[in-house]
Structure formats: C-alpha cells, structure tokens
Amino acid sequence: MNWDEQGNWGSKGAWGARDSAGQKLDIAHWQARLDTLRAEHHVPAASLAVLVDRTIHELASGVLHRGTGVEATTDSVFQMGSIAKIYTASLIMRLAESGELDLDAPVVEVLPEFSAADPDATKVITTRQLLSHTSGLTCDFTHDSGRGDDCLAKYVEAARDVALDCPPGTALSYSSVGYNVLGRIIEVVTGKVWDKALEDLLLTPLSLTHTMTLPEQALRFRAAMGHLGEAGQDPDPAPAWDLMPRSAGPYGRVIATAGDVVRLAQMHLNGGLAQDGTRVLSEETVALMQQRVVESPDKWTVSADGWGLGWTLYDWDGVQGYGHDGASIGQYGYLRVVPSAGVAVALLTNGGGARELYAALYRELLADLAGVTMPAPFAPPAEPPVVDLAPLLGTYRREGVVITVTERDGAGHAVYEFVDGMKDFSEPLEIDLLPVTESVFAGTGVGAAFSEDYMPVVFSALQDGTGCVYVGMRCGPKIA
C-alpha cells in the first residue's frame, strides 16, 4: 500500500494478508524482551521504535548514563553514527529529482575544488558512485576542520591527497569520505550549510522535532551518553559525549529518537510522503534509492546483500529489505525496513553488547511481524572446509591500513596494521582466519564490533582481476 497526496492509504503496492488482517504489537511482551535482552547484554539503555499496522510504537529501557542514573525514555536522543548517511542520501536525491543535481555528472562539475589522490579518478567520480560506495574513496579519514560553517569545505580540501581504496566503479568500498563530499555538494547546490539544508528540506517537512545535528541542539533533550568497556561487563561512561568533529555530520552525526528514525523510514516506505501527506520525495526517487547498484562481497559485517543509493539492501531468504547500521563513540543504531510487510524497526543503544542485543531482538521481532528469518550469527562451520590458502597470501593495503596474510601451521593468519594517519589508532591486530568458504573467513581476536562473535574477512577481486580483501566493508587491494 502507498499513501496518496492527502496522506491516506491507497491501493498501490501490496500488504497482502497482513494488511487485511492487521498486525498488532504486543507492547507488554516486547517491553519485557527489550528489558531482559538489554540487561543480559550489558547495554545501559536502549530505545526501540516499531512501525507496524501503520502505527509507530515506541519503547525504552535502562539508563542514559550509568554515572547519573538518568532513565531512558522514548523521547531520549541518541547519536546514530552512519545512519546519518541515509539522511544525506535522501537530501541529495531531493536535489536530483528537482533537477538541481545530475547524479551521473562528474563531481568536479559541481565542486571544482574536489580532488582525489588520483587525477584520472578525480575526472570521473560521480555523485551516484558516492551514494553507492563505488567511488573508490576511502572511509577512515577523520579530519577536524573546526566548528565553523566552512568545516565541510575545509574537509574536502584536506582530503585531496588521501589515497583511494580502489579505482572508481571497480568495487564496493564503504566510504565516509564520499558522504562528506555529498554533504559539501548539498551546501554548494542549496547555498546553505549541510545542517541547515537538512533541517529545511528534510527534518521540517517530516516534522522530525527530535532530530538534530549539533551538540548544543541535543542539550534541549534527554541525551544518551556513550559507554565503553570490556565485553560481557557493564560498561562505563565514555570520556566525552561526542568525540567527532562537526565535519563528521554528513557521514556520521545525526542525533535523534528511535521514533524519529522510523518516521524517516516511514516516508520511504510510503513512497515519499510524510505522515501528514507532505510530499518529500517522488515515488520514483524512493524506488530508485532501493534498487541494487552493486553486490556486496561481504554479506556479514553489516548484513549487506548489496547497496542501493544510500540504503543497505538485505535479502532474508527471498524477503527483501533495506536499512542501515551506525556507530559513534559507545553508541550504536540499527534500522531495518521490510516493505512487503509495511514494517520498520529502529533500535538505538548507548554501549555494551549492542550488536548481540540487536541480533537477538530483531530475529524475534522481524520473524513475528514480517515473516523474516534472519541468518544465524556469523561463525565458522563445525566442519570447516579445506582451503588452498596460496592464492590469498600476500599484502593488501588501503588508506591507513596494511593487512598481511600468511600461513601459520597450515592455517590462515592476518596482521591488521594501522599506518599513515591512523598509525596511533591501535596496536597491530593478530587475527586467526578460520575458513567458512574458500573466500570467506571468520577472524578471531577482534571482538564483536561488526558481528556477534567473529570478524568477517572476505577475499574478492576488482573488475580488472586484482585480488582484494574486505575487513569492515572496506576494500583493500593486493599489492604484493
């Protein structure tokens, strides 16, 4: 079903039997499950919003700050990390459908100051590639360009010499740099800073009154504090509420309630219409964002089967969905949308075993409300396959990281080393590679940042046949 221009449900699309029968949410049951799972996984606070049967239900559990004991409520705001990319992508698509922006024109036609480290790449990278993470631009370039309104312009200037992960259009490589370039494009096209353009063109039309981008705006509300600590223990408050610079906004800092996140998803689910019938995007634009642009070799780190224009795409045994994950300093968010069931779910948390909480809760919720069978936790099989490691051995490099794959006592091993501007980020990581398939390995010793127990390490190839390895959805081409 879709909304018509007056905000009423029409006959387009298909809810099927779920629409006619209605799908009610047992609030007491899910509140109890949220409370239980949150405590079990040492998550200080969690806020959950569920859209089902055309109604948004909001729940909260725990405390926003373990030091102060302030209770989490449904109007509490959380940092959402990379879920911010969906907001930036939606705004870019609004400019594209109005004719103010050509998705397939080179970025330099809009931003003459834009430059990648490779001059040839600079000439061909497009806005569409930035949206779908196929530009080759890297991810882990965090640059504090100050608090001024020129922070994105300064960021784009500072990123001029940052090496690409891979040539444009040759592979998927998750890119926060690319989304900051999108943020700067928005500023140039609209004549407004990214924060103001987002407010005027997306947040206000959607009546998202508890969504913001700046710390001083968040202080009006009950704001969650991030927490850090060892796995399996109650974490402690992070040293600061927000350690990201203002320039991280387009790729990593939108602050909101879980309910407001679902309201954004509801607009996409409703063919571009807000709850009050305001048209924010056209049906064609919404559909285009959900179309698969590129397959994901790594289908485990963020559960991605592929990528659209902004959206992570999922395939749950034939049931299609879209959404996005996000992480900041001790705060984690998970958004999932199942269009065939008219269901959207957002979970925002502030530390602890957030990934485990998400996985356990969503497996139950999406099965009950949308008939979705989520995959089992990523792990090596009980009887691992015998793999010829020889073609995989060697050195792989992307901006800030060198990955050396060797064979030790007949088993795969990787050293994940931070270099260049990231050399002080962490000591080198020693990772044992347990085979899942001939090209997919479960990495040990990394923790549960991207999966419940193991880190996916996925070997693939660029279009020209060059070998590459994916860790954390980032592509590292083989150099030796």
Protein backbone atom coordinates (compact mmCIF):
# COMPACT_ATOMS: atom_id res chain seq x y z
CA MET A 1 0.00 0.00 0.00
CA ASN A 2 1.11 3.60 -0.57
CA TRP A 3 -0.02 6.91 0.79
CA ASP A 4 -1.89 9.25 -1.52
CA GLU A 5 -1.26 13.01 -1.64
CA GLN A 6 -3.68 13.53 1.27
CA GLY A 7 -1.83 11.03 3.47
CA ASN A 8 -4.42 8.27 3.09
CA TRP A 9 -3.59 4.69 2.26
CA GLY A 10 -4.28 3.74 -1.34
CA SER A 11 -4.31 0.52 -3.31
CA LYS A 12 -0.83 0.63 -4.85
CA GLY A 13 1.77 -1.85 -3.61
CA ALA A 14 0.99 -4.97 -1.64
CA TRP A 15 0.46 -5.60 2.02
CA GLY A 16 -1.27 -8.85 1.22
CA ALA A 17 -2.91 -10.76 4.06
CA ARG A 18 -1.04 -8.78 6.69
CA ASP A 19 -2.84 -5.60 5.65
CA SER A 20 -6.33 -7.00 5.70
CA ALA A 21 -5.84 -8.87 8.94
CA GLY A 22 -3.94 -6.11 10.70
CA GLN A 23 -0.82 -6.77 12.70
CA LYS A 24 -0.90 -5.72 16.34
CA LEU A 25 2.12 -5.28 18.56
CA ASP A 26 2.08 -6.89 21.98
CA ILE A 27 3.67 -3.95 23.79
CA ALA A 28 3.98 -5.69 27.16
CA HIS A 29 5.75 -8.68 25.60
CA TRP A 30 8.26 -6.63 23.62
CA GLN A 31 8.93 -4.30 26.53
CA ALA A 32 9.77 -7.32 28.64
CA ARG A 33 12.01 -8.76 25.91
CA LEU A 34 13.77 -5.41 25.49
CA ASP A 35 14.36 -5.16 29.25
CA THR A 36 15.62 -8.74 29.50
CA LEU A 37 17.92 -8.69 26.48
CA ARG A 38 19.29 -5.25 27.33
CA ALA A 39 20.30 -6.41 30.81
CA GLU A 40 21.63 -9.73 29.53
CA HIS A 41 23.97 -7.99 27.08
CA HIS A 42 25.06 -5.20 29.45
CA VAL A 43 23.57 -2.39 27.36
CA PRO A 44 22.95 0.63 29.62
CA ALA A 45 20.00 1.96 27.61
CA ALA A 46 18.02 1.04 24.54
CA SER A 47 15.23 2.81 22.69
CA LEU A 48 13.06 0.86 20.25
CA ALA A 49 10.54 2.13 17.71
CA VAL A 50 8.40 -0.19 15.58
CA LEU A 51 6.14 0.73 12.67
CA VAL A 52 3.50 -1.95 12.16
CA ASP A 53 -0.13 -1.78 11.03
CA ARG A 54 0.53 1.89 10.09
CA THR A 55 1.21 2.77 13.74
CA ILE A 56 4.53 3.69 15.37
CA HIS A 57 5.11 2.18 18.81
CA GLU A 58 7.96 3.45 20.99
CA LEU A 59 9.65 1.70 23.93
CA ALA A 60 12.65 2.49 26.13
CA SER A 61 14.69 0.65 28.74
CA GLY A 62 17.61 1.30 31.06
CA VAL A 63 19.60 4.43 31.91
CA LEU A 64 21.12 7.07 29.66
CA HIS A 65 24.18 7.48 31.87
CA ARG A 66 25.36 4.86 34.36
CA GLY A 67 27.05 7.59 36.39
CA THR A 68 23.93 9.70 36.90
CA GLY A 69 21.25 7.02 36.62
CA VAL A 70 19.04 9.18 34.38
CA GLU A 71 16.32 6.95 32.98
CA ALA A 72 15.93 6.35 29.26
CA THR A 73 12.58 7.44 27.84
CA THR A 74 11.08 7.28 24.37
CA ASP A 75 11.89 10.96 23.83
CA SER A 76 15.60 10.42 24.64
CA VAL A 77 18.00 11.19 21.79
CA PHE A 78 20.97 9.05 20.76
CA GLN A 79 23.90 9.51 18.42
CA MET A 80 23.36 7.27 15.40
CA GLY A 81 26.70 7.22 13.61
CA SER A 82 26.43 6.14 9.99
CA ILE A 83 22.64 6.05 9.90
CA ALA A 84 23.26 9.75 9.14
CA LYS A 85 24.19 8.64 5.62
CA ILE A 86 20.52 7.89 4.88
CA TYR A 87 19.63 11.48 5.74
CA THR A 88 22.36 12.83 3.47
CA ALA A 89 21.38 10.44 0.67
CA SER A 90 17.70 11.43 0.95
CA LEU A 91 18.65 15.09 0.72
CA ILE A 92 20.88 14.51 -2.32
CA MET A 93 18.05 12.64 -4.05
CA ARG A 94 15.67 15.52 -3.36
CA LEU A 95 18.07 17.85 -5.16
CA ALA A 96 18.47 15.37 -8.01
CA GLU A 97 14.74 14.95 -8.62
CA SER A 98 14.29 18.75 -8.66
CA GLY A 99 16.83 18.97 -11.47
CA GLU A 100 19.39 20.87 -9.42
CA LEU A 101 21.86 17.99 -9.50
CA ASP A 102 22.88 15.39 -12.09
CA LEU A 103 23.78 12.12 -10.37
CA ASP A 104 25.90 10.97 -13.31
CA ALA A 105 27.89 14.14 -13.91
CA PRO A 106 31.45 14.20 -12.55
CA VAL A 107 31.60 15.67 -9.05
CA VAL A 108 34.14 18.26 -10.23
CA GLU A 109 31.41 19.89 -12.31
CA VAL A 110 29.66 20.83 -9.06
CA LEU A 111 32.74 21.03 -6.84
CA PRO A 112 35.70 22.26 -8.90
CA GLU A 113 37.80 22.08 -5.74
CA PHE A 114 37.15 18.33 -5.35
CA SER A 115 40.19 16.16 -5.98
CA ALA A 116 41.11 12.56 -5.27
CA ALA A 117 44.72 11.48 -4.95
CA ASP A 118 44.48 10.01 -8.48
CA PRO A 119 43.94 12.76 -11.12
CA ASP A 120 42.27 10.32 -13.50
CA ALA A 121 39.82 9.25 -10.80
CA THR A 122 39.06 12.87 -9.99
CA LYS A 123 37.74 13.38 -13.51
CA VAL A 124 35.24 10.50 -13.43
CA ILE A 125 33.89 10.08 -9.88
CA THR A 126 30.14 10.81 -9.89
CA THR A 127 27.54 11.59 -7.25
CA ARG A 128 25.84 8.26 -7.97
CA GLN A 129 29.09 6.46 -7.14
CA LEU A 130 29.40 8.40 -3.89
CA LEU A 131 25.88 7.34 -2.89
CA SER A 132 26.51 3.65 -3.59
CA HIS A 133 30.05 3.45 -2.12
CA THR A 134 31.55 2.64 -5.52
CA SER A 135 33.65 5.81 -5.94
CA GLY A 136 36.78 4.20 -4.52
CA LEU A 137 37.15 6.97 -1.94
CA THR A 138 38.26 5.64 1.41
CA CYS A 139 36.42 5.60 4.71
CA ASP A 140 38.73 6.24 7.63
CA PHE A 141 39.82 9.84 7.19
CA THR A 142 38.63 11.78 10.21
CA HIS A 143 39.72 15.40 9.99
CA ASP A 144 38.79 18.09 12.48
CA SER A 145 38.28 21.16 10.32
CA GLY A 146 36.82 23.23 13.12
CA ARG A 147 33.37 24.25 14.27
CA GLY A 148 32.76 26.89 11.62
CA ASP A 149 30.23 26.81 8.82
CA ASP A 150 33.13 26.20 6.44
CA CYS A 151 34.05 22.87 8.07
CA LEU A 152 32.95 20.72 5.11
CA ALA A 153 34.71 22.92 2.58
CA LYS A 154 37.89 22.58 4.65
CA TYR A 155 37.37 18.82 5.00
CA VAL A 156 37.08 18.33 1.23
CA GLU A 157 40.23 20.38 0.76
CA ALA A 158 42.11 18.31 3.38
CA ALA A 159 41.02 15.02 1.74
CA ARG A 160 42.54 15.92 -1.65
CA ASP A 161 45.63 13.75 -1.21
CA VAL A 162 44.01 10.79 0.57
CA ALA A 163 44.61 7.60 -1.41
CA LEU A 164 41.69 5.71 -2.93
CA ASP A 165 40.83 2.21 -1.75
CA CYS A 166 40.32 1.12 -5.37
CA PRO A 167 39.67 2.67 -8.80
CA PRO A 168 36.20 4.27 -9.22
CA GLY A 169 33.47 1.91 -10.34
CA THR A 170 35.50 -1.27 -9.80
CA ALA A 171 34.21 -2.43 -6.42
CA LEU A 172 32.15 -1.60 -3.37
CA SER A 173 34.22 0.02 -0.62
CA TYR A 174 32.39 1.68 2.25
CA SER A 175 33.26 5.37 2.23
CA SER A 176 32.61 8.05 4.82
CA VAL A 177 34.81 10.44 2.84
CA GLY A 178 32.38 10.08 -0.05
CA TYR A 179 29.45 11.08 2.13
CA ASN A 180 31.24 14.18 3.34
CA VAL A 181 31.76 15.13 -0.30
CA LEU A 182 27.99 14.66 -0.74
CA GLY A 183 27.46 16.96 2.21
CA ARG A 184 29.58 19.63 0.54
CA ILE A 185 27.67 19.16 -2.73
CA ILE A 186 24.45 19.85 -0.81
CA GLU A 187 25.95 23.08 0.52
CA VAL A 188 27.03 24.30 -2.91
CA VAL A 189 23.73 23.44 -4.60
CA THR A 190 21.47 24.86 -1.85
CA GLY A 191 23.63 27.75 -0.67
CA LYS A 192 23.11 26.55 2.91
CA VAL A 193 25.35 24.72 5.35
CA TRP A 194 24.60 20.99 5.45
CA ASP A 195 22.95 21.22 8.88
CA LYS A 196 20.54 23.95 7.75
CA ALA A 197 19.76 22.30 4.41
CA LEU A 198 18.93 19.08 6.25
CA GLU A 199 16.66 20.93 8.64
CA ASP A 200 14.83 22.90 5.95
CA LEU A 201 14.48 20.22 3.26
CA LEU A 202 14.06 17.04 5.28
CA LEU A 203 13.58 17.40 9.03
CA THR A 204 10.94 20.16 8.94
CA PRO A 205 8.79 18.64 6.15
CA LEU A 206 8.80 15.35 8.09
CA SER A 207 8.04 17.08 11.42
CA LEU A 208 11.07 15.41 13.00
CA THR A 209 11.11 17.58 16.10
CA HIS A 210 13.56 15.35 17.99
CA THR A 211 16.23 15.13 15.27
CA MET A 212 19.28 17.39 15.14
CA THR A 213 22.95 17.51 14.14
CA LEU A 214 24.78 19.66 16.71
CA PRO A 215 25.60 19.04 20.39
CA GLU A 216 24.11 22.34 21.51
CA GLN A 217 20.80 21.31 19.94
CA ALA A 218 20.88 17.94 21.68
CA LEU A 219 21.18 19.57 25.11
CA ARG A 220 17.49 20.56 24.87
CA PHE A 221 16.60 16.89 25.26
CA ARG A 222 17.41 13.84 27.37
CA ALA A 223 20.62 12.78 25.61
CA ALA A 224 22.19 9.33 25.86
CA MET A 225 25.81 9.07 26.94
CA GLY A 226 28.01 6.55 25.16
CA HIS A 227 29.60 3.82 27.25
CA LEU A 228 32.80 1.83 26.71
CA GLY A 229 34.17 -1.31 28.36
CA GLU A 230 35.11 -4.95 28.12
CA ALA A 231 32.74 -7.45 26.52
CA GLY A 232 30.44 -9.19 28.96
CA GLN A 233 30.70 -6.47 31.59
CA ASP A 234 28.74 -3.34 32.40
CA PRO A 235 30.50 -0.52 30.53
CA ASP A 236 31.49 2.87 31.92
CA PRO A 237 30.59 6.30 30.52
CA ALA A 238 32.85 7.40 27.67
CA PRO A 239 35.38 10.18 28.39
CA ALA A 240 33.31 12.66 26.38
CA TRP A 241 29.78 12.77 25.00
CA ASP A 242 30.91 13.37 21.41
CA LEU A 243 34.44 12.99 20.09
CA MET A 244 33.58 13.53 16.42
CA PRO A 245 34.30 16.87 14.72
CA ARG A 246 31.48 18.89 13.19
CA SER A 247 32.71 17.86 9.74
CA ALA A 248 31.59 14.29 10.51
CA GLY A 249 27.94 15.35 10.17
CA PRO A 250 27.00 14.07 6.69
CA TYR A 251 28.50 10.64 7.29
CA GLY A 252 28.17 10.16 11.00
CA ARG A 253 26.31 12.58 13.20
CA VAL A 254 22.57 12.87 13.23
CA ILE A 255 21.08 12.73 16.72
CA ALA A 256 17.50 11.52 17.15
CA THR A 257 14.93 9.45 18.96
CA ALA A 258 14.20 5.96 17.66
CA GLY A 259 10.69 7.17 16.81
CA ASP A 260 12.01 9.92 14.55
CA VAL A 261 14.28 7.43 12.77
CA VAL A 262 11.25 5.28 12.00
CA ARG A 263 9.36 8.34 10.77
CA LEU A 264 12.09 8.92 8.20
CA ALA A 265 11.87 5.26 7.17
CA GLN A 266 8.08 5.55 7.02
CA MET A 267 8.40 8.31 4.42
CA HIS A 268 10.45 5.98 2.22
CA LEU A 269 8.04 3.12 2.87
CA ASN A 270 5.14 5.40 1.91
CA GLY A 271 6.51 6.35 -1.48
CA GLY A 272 7.97 9.68 -0.39
CA LEU A 273 5.07 11.05 1.66
CA ALA A 274 5.29 12.26 5.24
CA GLN A 275 2.66 11.28 7.82
CA ASP A 276 0.67 14.46 7.12
CA GLY A 277 0.70 13.88 3.36
CA THR A 278 3.55 16.29 2.59
CA ARG A 279 5.48 15.02 -0.41
CA VAL A 280 9.18 14.92 0.38
CA LEU A 281 10.38 12.65 -2.43
CA SER A 282 8.69 11.25 -5.50
CA GLU A 283 7.71 7.60 -5.67
CA GLU A 284 10.22 7.16 -8.49
CA THR A 285 13.05 8.61 -6.41
CA VAL A 286 12.21 6.42 -3.42
CA ALA A 287 12.14 3.32 -5.63
CA LEU A 288 15.44 4.28 -7.27
CA MET A 289 17.17 4.53 -3.90
CA GLN A 290 16.12 0.96 -3.11
CA GLN A 291 17.34 -0.54 -6.39
CA ARG A 292 20.51 -2.57 -6.21
CA VAL A 293 23.52 -0.77 -7.64
CA VAL A 294 26.23 -3.16 -6.51
CA GLU A 295 26.54 -6.58 -4.88
CA SER A 296 28.33 -6.82 -1.56
CA PRO A 297 31.12 -9.42 -1.38
CA ASP A 298 30.95 -9.06 2.42
CA LYS A 299 27.41 -10.07 3.36
CA TRP A 300 28.07 -10.33 7.10
CA THR A 301 29.72 -7.22 8.56
CA VAL A 302 26.55 -5.11 8.32
CA SER A 303 24.32 -7.90 6.92
CA ALA A 304 24.54 -6.28 3.46
CA ASP A 305 23.47 -8.29 0.45
CA GLY A 306 24.01 -5.25 -1.75
CA TRP A 307 23.83 -1.48 -1.84
CA GLY A 308 21.42 0.99 -3.35
CA LEU A 309 21.65 4.78 -3.43
CA GLY A 310 22.23 5.23 0.28
CA TRP A 311 20.41 2.16 1.55
CA THR A 312 22.00 -1.08 2.66
CA LEU A 313 19.97 -3.84 0.96
CA TYR A 314 19.06 -7.17 2.60
CA ASP A 315 17.79 -10.48 1.27
CA TRP A 316 16.34 -12.64 4.03
CA ASP A 317 15.68 -15.92 2.20
CA GLY A 318 13.81 -14.08 -0.54
CA VAL A 319 12.23 -11.40 1.64
CA GLN A 320 13.70 -8.07 0.56
CA GLY A 321 14.54 -5.26 2.94
CA TYR A 322 16.65 -2.16 3.39
CA GLY A 323 18.15 -0.17 6.25
CA HIS A 324 21.44 0.95 7.77
CA ASP A 325 23.68 0.47 10.81
CA GLY A 326 25.57 3.16 12.67
CA ALA A 327 28.16 3.57 15.43
CA SER A 328 29.74 6.51 17.22
CA ILE A 329 31.71 6.63 20.49
CA GLY A 330 29.89 3.99 22.53
CA GLN A 331 26.53 4.41 20.77
CA TYR A 332 25.06 2.05 18.17
CA GLY A 333 21.97 2.12 15.98
CA TYR A 334 20.16 -0.39 13.73
CA LEU A 335 17.41 0.41 11.21
CA ARG A 336 15.54 -2.27 9.24
CA VAL A 337 12.63 -1.88 6.82
CA VAL A 338 10.56 -4.73 5.35
CA PRO A 339 8.39 -3.18 2.61
CA SER A 340 6.34 -6.32 1.89
CA ALA A 341 5.03 -6.23 5.49
CA GLY A 342 4.95 -2.46 5.97
CA VAL A 343 7.30 -2.86 8.94
CA ALA A 344 10.16 -0.61 10.05
CA VAL A 345 12.21 -1.05 13.22
CA ALA A 346 14.84 1.21 14.78
CA LEU A 347 16.95 0.34 17.81
CA LEU A 348 19.28 2.92 19.39
CA THR A 349 21.68 1.99 22.18
CA ASN A 350 24.48 3.52 24.26
CA GLY A 351 27.10 0.82 24.72
CA GLY A 352 27.71 -2.72 25.90
CA GLY A 353 26.82 -5.72 23.75
CA ALA A 354 24.62 -3.69 21.43
CA ARG A 355 25.22 -5.93 18.43
CA GLU A 356 24.15 -9.01 20.37
CA LEU A 357 21.06 -7.20 21.66
CA TYR A 358 20.13 -6.14 18.13
CA ALA A 359 20.60 -9.63 16.71
CA ALA A 360 18.55 -11.40 19.38
CA LEU A 361 15.75 -8.84 19.41
CA TYR A 362 15.43 -8.38 15.66
CA ARG A 363 15.42 -12.11 14.99
CA GLU A 364 12.32 -12.37 17.15
CA LEU A 365 10.67 -9.11 16.07
CA LEU A 366 11.09 -9.47 12.31
CA ALA A 367 10.04 -13.12 12.39
CA ASP A 368 6.88 -12.24 14.29
CA LEU A 369 5.91 -9.08 12.41
CA ALA A 370 7.26 -9.64 8.91
CA GLY A 371 7.91 -13.36 8.45
CA VAL A 372 11.64 -12.69 8.16
CA THR A 373 14.19 -15.35 9.02
CA MET A 374 17.42 -13.59 9.83
CA PRO A 375 20.65 -15.55 9.35
CA ALA A 376 22.37 -17.27 12.22
CA PRO A 377 25.35 -15.49 13.79
CA PHE A 378 28.39 -15.40 11.54
CA ALA A 379 30.79 -18.18 12.57
CA PRO A 380 32.91 -20.95 11.08
CA PRO A 381 31.08 -24.24 10.47
CA ALA A 382 31.55 -27.19 12.79
CA GLU A 383 33.47 -28.91 9.99
CA PRO A 384 35.42 -26.14 8.19
CA PRO A 385 36.24 -26.69 4.51
CA VAL A 386 39.80 -27.39 3.40
CA VAL A 387 41.03 -24.25 1.65
CA ASP A 388 44.05 -23.64 -0.58
CA LEU A 389 45.49 -20.54 1.05
CA ALA A 390 48.24 -19.94 -1.52
CA PRO A 391 46.25 -17.59 -3.81
CA LEU A 392 45.22 -15.49 -0.82
CA LEU A 393 48.63 -14.97 0.79
CA GLY A 394 50.26 -11.58 0.45
CA THR A 395 49.99 -7.94 1.41
CA TYR A 396 46.85 -5.85 1.00
CA ARG A 397 46.68 -2.10 1.51
CA ARG A 398 44.12 0.66 1.72
CA GLU A 399 44.38 4.13 3.18
CA GLY A 400 45.60 3.87 6.77
CA VAL A 401 45.73 0.05 6.88
CA VAL A 402 48.07 -2.73 5.77
CA ILE A 403 46.82 -6.33 6.01
CA THR A 404 49.39 -9.10 5.74
CA VAL A 405 48.01 -12.59 5.16
CA THR A 406 50.27 -15.56 5.90
CA GLU A 407 50.03 -19.27 6.65
CA ARG A 408 50.90 -20.49 10.14
CA ASP A 409 50.96 -24.19 10.88
CA GLY A 410 48.68 -24.85 7.95
CA ALA A 411 46.12 -22.22 8.93
CA GLY A 412 45.47 -18.69 7.73
CA HIS A 413 46.63 -15.71 9.75
CA ALA A 414 46.38 -11.96 9.20
CA VAL A 415 48.10 -8.98 10.76
CA TYR A 416 45.93 -5.86 10.56
CA GLU A 417 48.25 -2.88 10.98
CA PHE A 418 47.35 0.79 11.17
CA VAL A 419 49.68 3.08 9.21
CA ASP A 420 49.91 6.63 7.86
CA GLY A 421 47.48 8.95 9.62
CA MET A 422 45.98 6.04 11.57
CA LYS A 423 49.26 4.63 12.90
CA ASP A 424 48.48 5.60 16.51
CA PHE A 425 44.91 4.30 16.40
CA SER A 426 45.74 0.86 17.78
CA GLU A 427 48.44 -1.74 18.07
CA PRO A 428 48.50 -4.24 15.16
CA LEU A 429 45.74 -6.83 15.40
CA GLU A 430 46.65 -10.51 15.18
CA ILE A 431 43.79 -12.39 13.53
CA ASP A 432 43.45 -16.14 13.04
CA LEU A 433 41.47 -16.93 9.88
CA LEU A 434 39.00 -19.79 10.27
CA PRO A 435 37.57 -20.89 6.91
CA VAL A 436 33.86 -20.54 6.24
CA THR A 437 34.13 -20.95 2.46
CA GLU A 438 37.05 -20.80 0.02
CA SER A 439 36.99 -17.00 0.16
CA VAL A 440 35.26 -16.17 3.45
CA PHE A 441 36.95 -16.48 6.82
CA ALA A 442 35.93 -15.87 10.41
CA GLY A 443 38.54 -13.69 12.06
CA THR A 444 39.28 -14.16 15.76
CA GLY A 445 40.64 -11.79 18.35
CA VAL A 446 38.89 -8.69 17.05
CA GLY A 447 35.80 -8.69 19.24
CA ALA A 448 32.15 -8.26 18.40
CA ALA A 449 32.23 -4.79 16.83
CA PHE A 450 30.86 -5.96 13.48
CA SER A 451 29.36 -9.35 14.25
CA GLU A 452 28.29 -11.25 17.30
CA ASP A 453 31.46 -13.31 17.72
CA TYR A 454 33.75 -13.22 14.68
CA MET A 455 35.03 -10.61 12.25
CA PRO A 456 34.21 -11.44 8.61
CA VAL A 457 37.34 -11.40 6.41
CA VAL A 458 36.29 -11.74 2.78
CA PHE A 459 38.56 -12.19 -0.24
CA SER A 460 37.33 -10.96 -3.61
CA ALA A 461 38.62 -9.27 -6.76
CA LEU A 462 38.32 -5.94 -8.53
CA GLN A 463 36.93 -5.76 -12.05
CA ASP A 464 40.45 -5.99 -13.52
CA GLY A 465 41.12 -9.19 -11.59
CA THR A 466 43.28 -7.66 -8.87
CA GLY A 467 42.77 -9.54 -5.62
CA CYS A 468 41.39 -7.67 -2.63
CA VAL A 469 40.28 -8.34 0.92
CA TYR A 470 37.33 -6.87 2.80
CA VAL A 471 37.53 -6.13 6.50
CA GLY A 472 34.84 -3.90 7.94
CA MET A 473 33.28 -3.43 4.47
CA ARG A 474 36.46 -1.62 3.36
CA CYS A 475 38.22 -2.90 0.24
CA GLY A 476 41.99 -3.45 0.42
CA PRO A 477 43.62 -4.30 -2.93
CA LYS A 478 46.52 -6.74 -3.04
CA ILE A 479 49.86 -5.02 -3.56
CA ALA A 480 52.32 -7.88 -3.08
